[in-house]
Amino acid sequence: MRDESTNSSGQKKWWYQIAVMIMICIFFVGIDVVQNGRITWSVWPVAAVLFFGVGFTLLNKFGRE
């Protein structure tokens, strides 16, 4: 049985880290919404995760020529 998160060389696919970062963002927003019914403080950790996590992942994938 083949693992769908890896490519033929055994390395994880380039979008795998982005999916993990999005799940982390959903976790932070979910905690914030459950606490007070709206999004308040979770904007900052979500912005940091998206900027650093997703940004550097995309730079590693498309920035090398």
PDB file of N, CA and C in Angstrom:
ATOM      1  N   MET A   1       0.841  -1.170   0.000  1.00  0.00           N
ATOM      2  CA  MET A   1       0.000   0.000   0.000  1.00  0.00           C
ATOM      3  C   MET A   1       0.892   1.242   0.000  1.00  0.00           C
ATOM      4  N   ARG A   2       0.580   2.202  -0.839  1.00  0.00           N
ATOM      5  CA  ARG A   2       1.404   3.383  -1.002  1.00  0.00           C
ATOM      6  C   ARG A   2       0.895   4.529  -0.130  1.00  0.00           C
ATOM      7  N   ASP A   3       1.827   5.237   0.502  1.00  0.00           N
ATOM      8  CA  ASP A   3       1.470   6.393   1.324  1.00  0.00           C
ATOM      9  C   ASP A   3       1.289   7.600   0.416  1.00  0.00           C
ATOM     10  N   GLU A   4       0.136   8.245   0.484  1.00  0.00           N
ATOM     11  CA  GLU A   4      -0.167   9.359  -0.402  1.00  0.00           C
ATOM     12  C   GLU A   4       0.574  10.645  -0.048  1.00  0.00           C
ATOM     13  N   SER A   5       1.175  10.735   1.149  1.00  0.00           N
ATOM     14  CA  SER A   5       1.872  11.960   1.542  1.00  0.00           C
ATOM     15  C   SER A   5       3.325  11.973   1.086  1.00  0.00           C
ATOM     16  N   THR A   6       3.763  10.941   0.399  1.00  0.00           N
ATOM     17  CA  THR A   6       5.139  10.896  -0.087  1.00  0.00           C
ATOM     18  C   THR A   6       5.144  10.769  -1.602  1.00  0.00           C
ATOM     19  N   ASN A   7       6.244  11.185  -2.213  1.00  0.00           N
ATOM     20  CA  ASN A   7       6.385  11.000  -3.655  1.00  0.00           C
ATOM     21  C   ASN A   7       7.199   9.745  -3.917  1.00  0.00           C
ATOM     22  N   SER A   8       7.562   9.505  -5.156  1.00  0.00           N
ATOM     23  CA  SER A   8       8.220   8.255  -5.519  1.00  0.00           C
ATOM     24  C   SER A   8       9.606   8.101  -4.893  1.00  0.00           C
ATOM     25  N   SER A   9      10.246   9.214  -4.494  1.00  0.00           N
ATOM     26  CA  SER A   9      11.582   9.121  -3.894  1.00  0.00           C
ATOM     27  C   SER A   9      11.530   8.968  -2.380  1.00  0.00           C
ATOM     28  N   GLY A  10      10.342   8.903  -1.791  1.00  0.00           N
ATOM     29  CA  GLY A  10      10.216   8.709  -0.356  1.00  0.00           C
ATOM     30  C   GLY A  10      10.174   9.996   0.446  1.00  0.00           C
ATOM     31  N   GLN A  11      10.286  11.152  -0.210  1.00  0.00           N
ATOM     32  CA  GLN A  11      10.209  12.432   0.498  1.00  0.00           C
ATOM     33  C   GLN A  11       8.761  12.896   0.543  1.00  0.00           C
ATOM     34  N   LYS A  12       8.462  13.711   1.562  1.00  0.00           N
ATOM     35  CA  LYS A  12       7.105  14.237   1.665  1.00  0.00           C
ATOM     36  C   LYS A  12       6.851  15.225   0.536  1.00  0.00           C
ATOM     37  N   LYS A  13       5.611  15.314   0.123  1.00  0.00           N
ATOM     38  CA  LYS A  13       5.263  16.246  -0.943  1.00  0.00           C
ATOM     39  C   LYS A  13       5.427  17.679  -0.456  1.00  0.00           C
ATOM     40  N   TRP A  14       5.625  18.620  -1.360  1.00  0.00           N
ATOM     41  CA  TRP A  14       5.944  19.996  -0.994  1.00  0.00           C
ATOM     42  C   TRP A  14       4.795  20.683  -0.256  1.00  0.00           C
ATOM     43  N   TRP A  15       3.565  20.262  -0.473  1.00  0.00           N
ATOM     44  CA  TRP A  15       2.428  20.918   0.156  1.00  0.00           C
ATOM     45  C   TRP A  15       2.094  20.332   1.531  1.00  0.00           C
ATOM     46  N   TYR A  16       2.786  19.310   1.952  1.00  0.00           N
ATOM     47  CA  TYR A  16       2.487  18.665   3.237  1.00  0.00           C
ATOM     48  C   TYR A  16       2.661  19.636   4.408  1.00  0.00           C
ATOM     49  N   GLN A  17       3.746  20.409   4.411  1.00  0.00           N
ATOM     50  CA  GLN A  17       3.977  21.374   5.496  1.00  0.00           C
ATOM     51  C   GLN A  17       2.927  22.471   5.499  1.00  0.00           C
ATOM     52  N   ILE A  18       2.456  22.872   4.324  1.00  0.00           N
ATOM     53  CA  ILE A  18       1.409  23.890   4.252  1.00  0.00           C
ATOM     54  C   ILE A  18       0.121  23.356   4.865  1.00  0.00           C
ATOM     55  N   ALA A  19      -0.208  22.107   4.618  1.00  0.00           N
ATOM     56  CA  ALA A  19      -1.415  21.510   5.202  1.00  0.00           C
ATOM     57  C   ALA A  19      -1.317  21.463   6.725  1.00  0.00           C
ATOM     58  N   VAL A  20      -0.132  21.157   7.240  1.00  0.00           N
ATOM     59  CA  VAL A  20       0.061  21.133   8.691  1.00  0.00           C
ATOM     60  C   VAL A  20      -0.106  22.533   9.262  1.00  0.00           C
ATOM     61  N   MET A  21       0.439  23.542   8.609  1.00  0.00           N
ATOM     62  CA  MET A  21       0.302  24.927   9.080  1.00  0.00           C
ATOM     63  C   MET A  21      -1.161  25.370   9.073  1.00  0.00           C
ATOM     64  N   ILE A  22      -1.908  24.974   8.073  1.00  0.00           N
ATOM     65  CA  ILE A  22      -3.327  25.333   8.016  1.00  0.00           C
ATOM     66  C   ILE A  22      -4.094  24.663   9.147  1.00  0.00           C
ATOM     67  N   MET A  23      -3.751  23.422   9.480  1.00  0.00           N
ATOM     68  CA  MET A  23      -4.405  22.757  10.612  1.00  0.00           C
ATOM     69  C   MET A  23      -4.079  23.462  11.925  1.00  0.00           C
ATOM     70  N   ILE A  24      -2.856  23.940  12.080  1.00  0.00           N
ATOM     71  CA  ILE A  24      -2.488  24.704  13.281  1.00  0.00           C
ATOM     72  C   ILE A  24      -3.305  25.989  13.356  1.00  0.00           C
ATOM     73  N   CYS A  25      -3.481  26.672  12.222  1.00  0.00           N
ATOM     74  CA  CYS A  25      -4.285  27.899  12.197  1.00  0.00           C
ATOM     75  C   CYS A  25      -5.736  27.630  12.563  1.00  0.00           C
ATOM     76  N   ILE A  26      -6.286  26.540  12.045  1.00  0.00           N
ATOM     77  CA  ILE A  26      -7.664  26.184  12.378  1.00  0.00           C
ATOM     78  C   ILE A  26      -7.790  25.895  13.869  1.00  0.00           C
ATOM     79  N   PHE A  27      -6.772  25.280  14.459  1.00  0.00           N
ATOM     80  CA  PHE A  27      -6.774  25.014  15.896  1.00  0.00           C
ATOM     81  C   PHE A  27      -6.832  26.321  16.693  1.00  0.00           C
ATOM     82  N   PHE A  28      -5.976  27.287  16.359  1.00  0.00           N
ATOM     83  CA  PHE A  28      -5.967  28.569  17.075  1.00  0.00           C
ATOM     84  C   PHE A  28      -7.291  29.308  16.916  1.00  0.00           C
ATOM     85  N   VAL A  29      -7.825  29.359  15.718  1.00  0.00           N
ATOM     86  CA  VAL A  29      -9.097  30.053  15.491  1.00  0.00           C
ATOM     87  C   VAL A  29     -10.222  29.327  16.221  1.00  0.00           C
ATOM     88  N   GLY A  30     -10.197  28.006  16.221  1.00  0.00           N
ATOM     89  CA  GLY A  30     -11.229  27.251  16.931  1.00  0.00           C
ATOM     90  C   GLY A  30     -11.232  27.523  18.422  1.00  0.00           C
ATOM     91  N   ILE A  31     -10.051  27.570  19.026  1.00  0.00           N
ATOM     92  CA  ILE A  31      -9.974  27.883  20.457  1.00  0.00           C
ATOM     93  C   ILE A  31     -10.520  29.281  20.726  1.00  0.00           C
ATOM     94  N   ASP A  32     -10.164  30.231  19.871  1.00  0.00           N
ATOM     95  CA  ASP A  32     -10.607  31.607  20.053  1.00  0.00           C
ATOM     96  C   ASP A  32     -12.127  31.723  19.922  1.00  0.00           C
ATOM     97  N   VAL A  33     -12.715  31.072  18.950  1.00  0.00           N
ATOM     98  CA  VAL A  33     -14.168  31.154  18.734  1.00  0.00           C
ATOM     99  C   VAL A  33     -14.921  30.463  19.864  1.00  0.00           C
ATOM    100  N   VAL A  34     -14.410  29.355  20.361  1.00  0.00           N
ATOM    101  CA  VAL A  34     -15.078  28.649  21.452  1.00  0.00           C
ATOM    102  C   VAL A  34     -15.070  29.488  22.723  1.00  0.00           C
ATOM    103  N   GLN A  35     -13.993  30.237  22.948  1.00  0.00           N
ATOM    104  CA  GLN A  35     -13.890  31.028  24.179  1.00  0.00           C
ATOM    105  C   GLN A  35     -14.896  32.165  24.246  1.00  0.00           C
ATOM    106  N   ASN A  36     -15.028  32.928  23.167  1.00  0.00           N
ATOM    107  CA  ASN A  36     -15.902  34.103  23.268  1.00  0.00           C
ATOM    108  C   ASN A  36     -16.829  34.298  22.068  1.00  0.00           C
ATOM    109  N   GLY A  37     -16.907  33.343  21.165  1.00  0.00           N
ATOM    110  CA  GLY A  37     -17.854  33.423  20.064  1.00  0.00           C
ATOM    111  C   GLY A  37     -17.416  34.252  18.878  1.00  0.00           C
ATOM    112  N   ARG A  38     -16.224  34.777  18.900  1.00  0.00           N
ATOM    113  CA  ARG A  38     -15.713  35.538  17.758  1.00  0.00           C
ATOM    114  C   ARG A  38     -14.198  35.471  17.716  1.00  0.00           C
ATOM    115  N   ILE A  39     -13.632  35.938  16.632  1.00  0.00           N
ATOM    116  CA  ILE A  39     -12.185  35.893  16.461  1.00  0.00           C
ATOM    117  C   ILE A  39     -11.586  37.169  17.043  1.00  0.00           C
ATOM    118  N   THR A  40     -10.739  37.031  18.068  1.00  0.00           N
ATOM    119  CA  THR A  40     -10.115  38.209  18.679  1.00  0.00           C
ATOM    120  C   THR A  40      -8.594  38.075  18.661  1.00  0.00           C
ATOM    121  N   TRP A  41      -8.020  37.320  19.570  1.00  0.00           N
ATOM    122  CA  TRP A  41      -6.568  37.246  19.711  1.00  0.00           C
ATOM    123  C   TRP A  41      -5.901  36.306  18.730  1.00  0.00           C
ATOM    124  N   SER A  42      -6.642  35.406  18.108  1.00  0.00           N
ATOM    125  CA  SER A  42      -6.016  34.385  17.259  1.00  0.00           C
ATOM    126  C   SER A  42      -5.503  34.932  15.928  1.00  0.00           C
ATOM    127  N   VAL A  43      -5.778  36.178  15.637  1.00  0.00           N
ATOM    128  CA  VAL A  43      -5.282  36.772  14.396  1.00  0.00           C
ATOM    129  C   VAL A  43      -3.756  36.785  14.386  1.00  0.00           C
ATOM    130  N   TRP A  44      -3.127  37.081  15.513  1.00  0.00           N
ATOM    131  CA  TRP A  44      -1.667  37.203  15.559  1.00  0.00           C
ATOM    132  C   TRP A  44      -0.945  35.869  15.408  1.00  0.00           C
ATOM    133  N   PRO A  45      -1.319  34.808  16.135  1.00  0.00           N
ATOM    134  CA  PRO A  45      -0.618  33.539  15.890  1.00  0.00           C
ATOM    135  C   PRO A  45      -0.889  32.970  14.501  1.00  0.00           C
ATOM    136  N   VAL A  46      -2.097  33.178  13.990  1.00  0.00           N
ATOM    137  CA  VAL A  46      -2.400  32.692  12.642  1.00  0.00           C
ATOM    138  C   VAL A  46      -1.559  33.438  11.612  1.00  0.00           C
ATOM    139  N   ALA A  47      -1.441  34.749  11.763  1.00  0.00           N
ATOM    140  CA  ALA A  47      -0.618  35.533  10.840  1.00  0.00           C
ATOM    141  C   ALA A  47       0.845  35.098  10.900  1.00  0.00           C
ATOM    142  N   ALA A  48       1.354  34.837  12.100  1.00  0.00           N
ATOM    143  CA  ALA A  48       2.745  34.414  12.244  1.00  0.00           C
ATOM    144  C   ALA A  48       2.962  33.036  11.617  1.00  0.00           C
ATOM    145  N   VAL A  49       2.042  32.110  11.856  1.00  0.00           N
ATOM    146  CA  VAL A  49       2.178  30.763  11.289  1.00  0.00           C
ATOM    147  C   VAL A  49       2.123  30.815   9.770  1.00  0.00           C
ATOM    148  N   LEU A  50       1.194  31.577   9.234  1.00  0.00           N
ATOM    149  CA  LEU A  50       1.077  31.661   7.778  1.00  0.00           C
ATOM    150  C   LEU A  50       2.282  32.355   7.159  1.00  0.00           C
ATOM    151  N   PHE A  51       2.741  33.434   7.790  1.00  0.00           N
ATOM    152  CA  PHE A  51       3.873  34.181   7.236  1.00  0.00           C
ATOM    153  C   PHE A  51       5.142  33.348   7.240  1.00  0.00           C
ATOM    154  N   PHE A  52       5.478  32.805   8.401  1.00  0.00           N
ATOM    155  CA  PHE A  52       6.731  32.072   8.509  1.00  0.00           C
ATOM    156  C   PHE A  52       6.624  30.649   7.966  1.00  0.00           C
ATOM    157  N   GLY A  53       5.607  29.922   8.373  1.00  0.00           N
ATOM    158  CA  GLY A  53       5.489  28.522   7.963  1.00  0.00           C
ATOM    159  C   GLY A  53       5.207  28.350   6.489  1.00  0.00           C
ATOM    160  N   VAL A  54       4.148  28.971   6.028  1.00  0.00           N
ATOM    161  CA  VAL A  54       3.765  28.816   4.631  1.00  0.00           C
ATOM    162  C   VAL A  54       4.708  29.601   3.726  1.00  0.00           C
ATOM    163  N   GLY A  55       5.083  30.791   4.148  1.00  0.00           N
ATOM    164  CA  GLY A  55       5.978  31.609   3.334  1.00  0.00           C
ATOM    165  C   GLY A  55       7.310  30.942   3.072  1.00  0.00           C
ATOM    166  N   PHE A  56       7.941  30.416   4.111  1.00  0.00           N
ATOM    167  CA  PHE A  56       9.231  29.760   3.929  1.00  0.00           C
ATOM    168  C   PHE A  56       9.107  28.451   3.166  1.00  0.00           C
ATOM    169  N   THR A  57       7.996  27.763   3.334  1.00  0.00           N
ATOM    170  CA  THR A  57       7.780  26.541   2.560  1.00  0.00           C
ATOM    171  C   THR A  57       7.687  26.857   1.071  1.00  0.00           C
ATOM    172  N   LEU A  58       6.950  27.912   0.736  1.00  0.00           N
ATOM    173  CA  LEU A  58       6.838  28.291  -0.670  1.00  0.00           C
ATOM    174  C   LEU A  58       8.155  28.825  -1.218  1.00  0.00           C
ATOM    175  N   LEU A  59       8.915  29.545  -0.394  1.00  0.00           N
ATOM    176  CA  LEU A  59      10.235  30.003  -0.844  1.00  0.00           C
ATOM    177  C   LEU A  59      11.166  28.828  -1.117  1.00  0.00           C
ATOM    178  N   ASN A  60      11.128  27.817  -0.266  1.00  0.00           N
ATOM    179  CA  ASN A  60      11.959  26.642  -0.496  1.00  0.00           C
ATOM    180  C   ASN A  60      11.550  25.909  -1.768  1.00  0.00           C
ATOM    181  N   LYS A  61      10.247  25.877  -2.050  1.00  0.00           N
ATOM    182  CA  LYS A  61       9.778  25.150  -3.223  1.00  0.00           C
ATOM    183  C   LYS A  61      10.040  25.926  -4.517  1.00  0.00           C
ATOM    184  N   PHE A  62       9.693  27.216  -4.549  1.00  0.00           N
ATOM    185  CA  PHE A  62       9.733  27.965  -5.787  1.00  0.00           C
ATOM    186  C   PHE A  62      10.888  28.973  -5.855  1.00  0.00           C
ATOM    187  N   GLY A  63      11.589  29.211  -4.767  1.00  0.00           N
ATOM    188  CA  GLY A  63      12.649  30.200  -4.759  1.00  0.00           C
ATOM    189  C   GLY A  63      13.991  29.692  -5.256  1.00  0.00           C
ATOM    190  N   ARG A  64      14.153  28.387  -5.311  1.00  0.00           N
ATOM    191  CA  ARG A  64      15.415  27.807  -5.770  1.00  0.00           C
ATOM    192  C   ARG A  64      15.360  27.595  -7.276  1.00  0.00           C
ATOM    193  N   GLU A  65      16.275  28.176  -7.965  1.00  0.00           N
ATOM    194  CA  GLU A  65      16.329  28.011  -9.433  1.00  0.00           C
ATOM    195  C   GLU A  65      17.711  27.593  -9.838  1.00  0.00           C
TER     196      GLU A  65
END
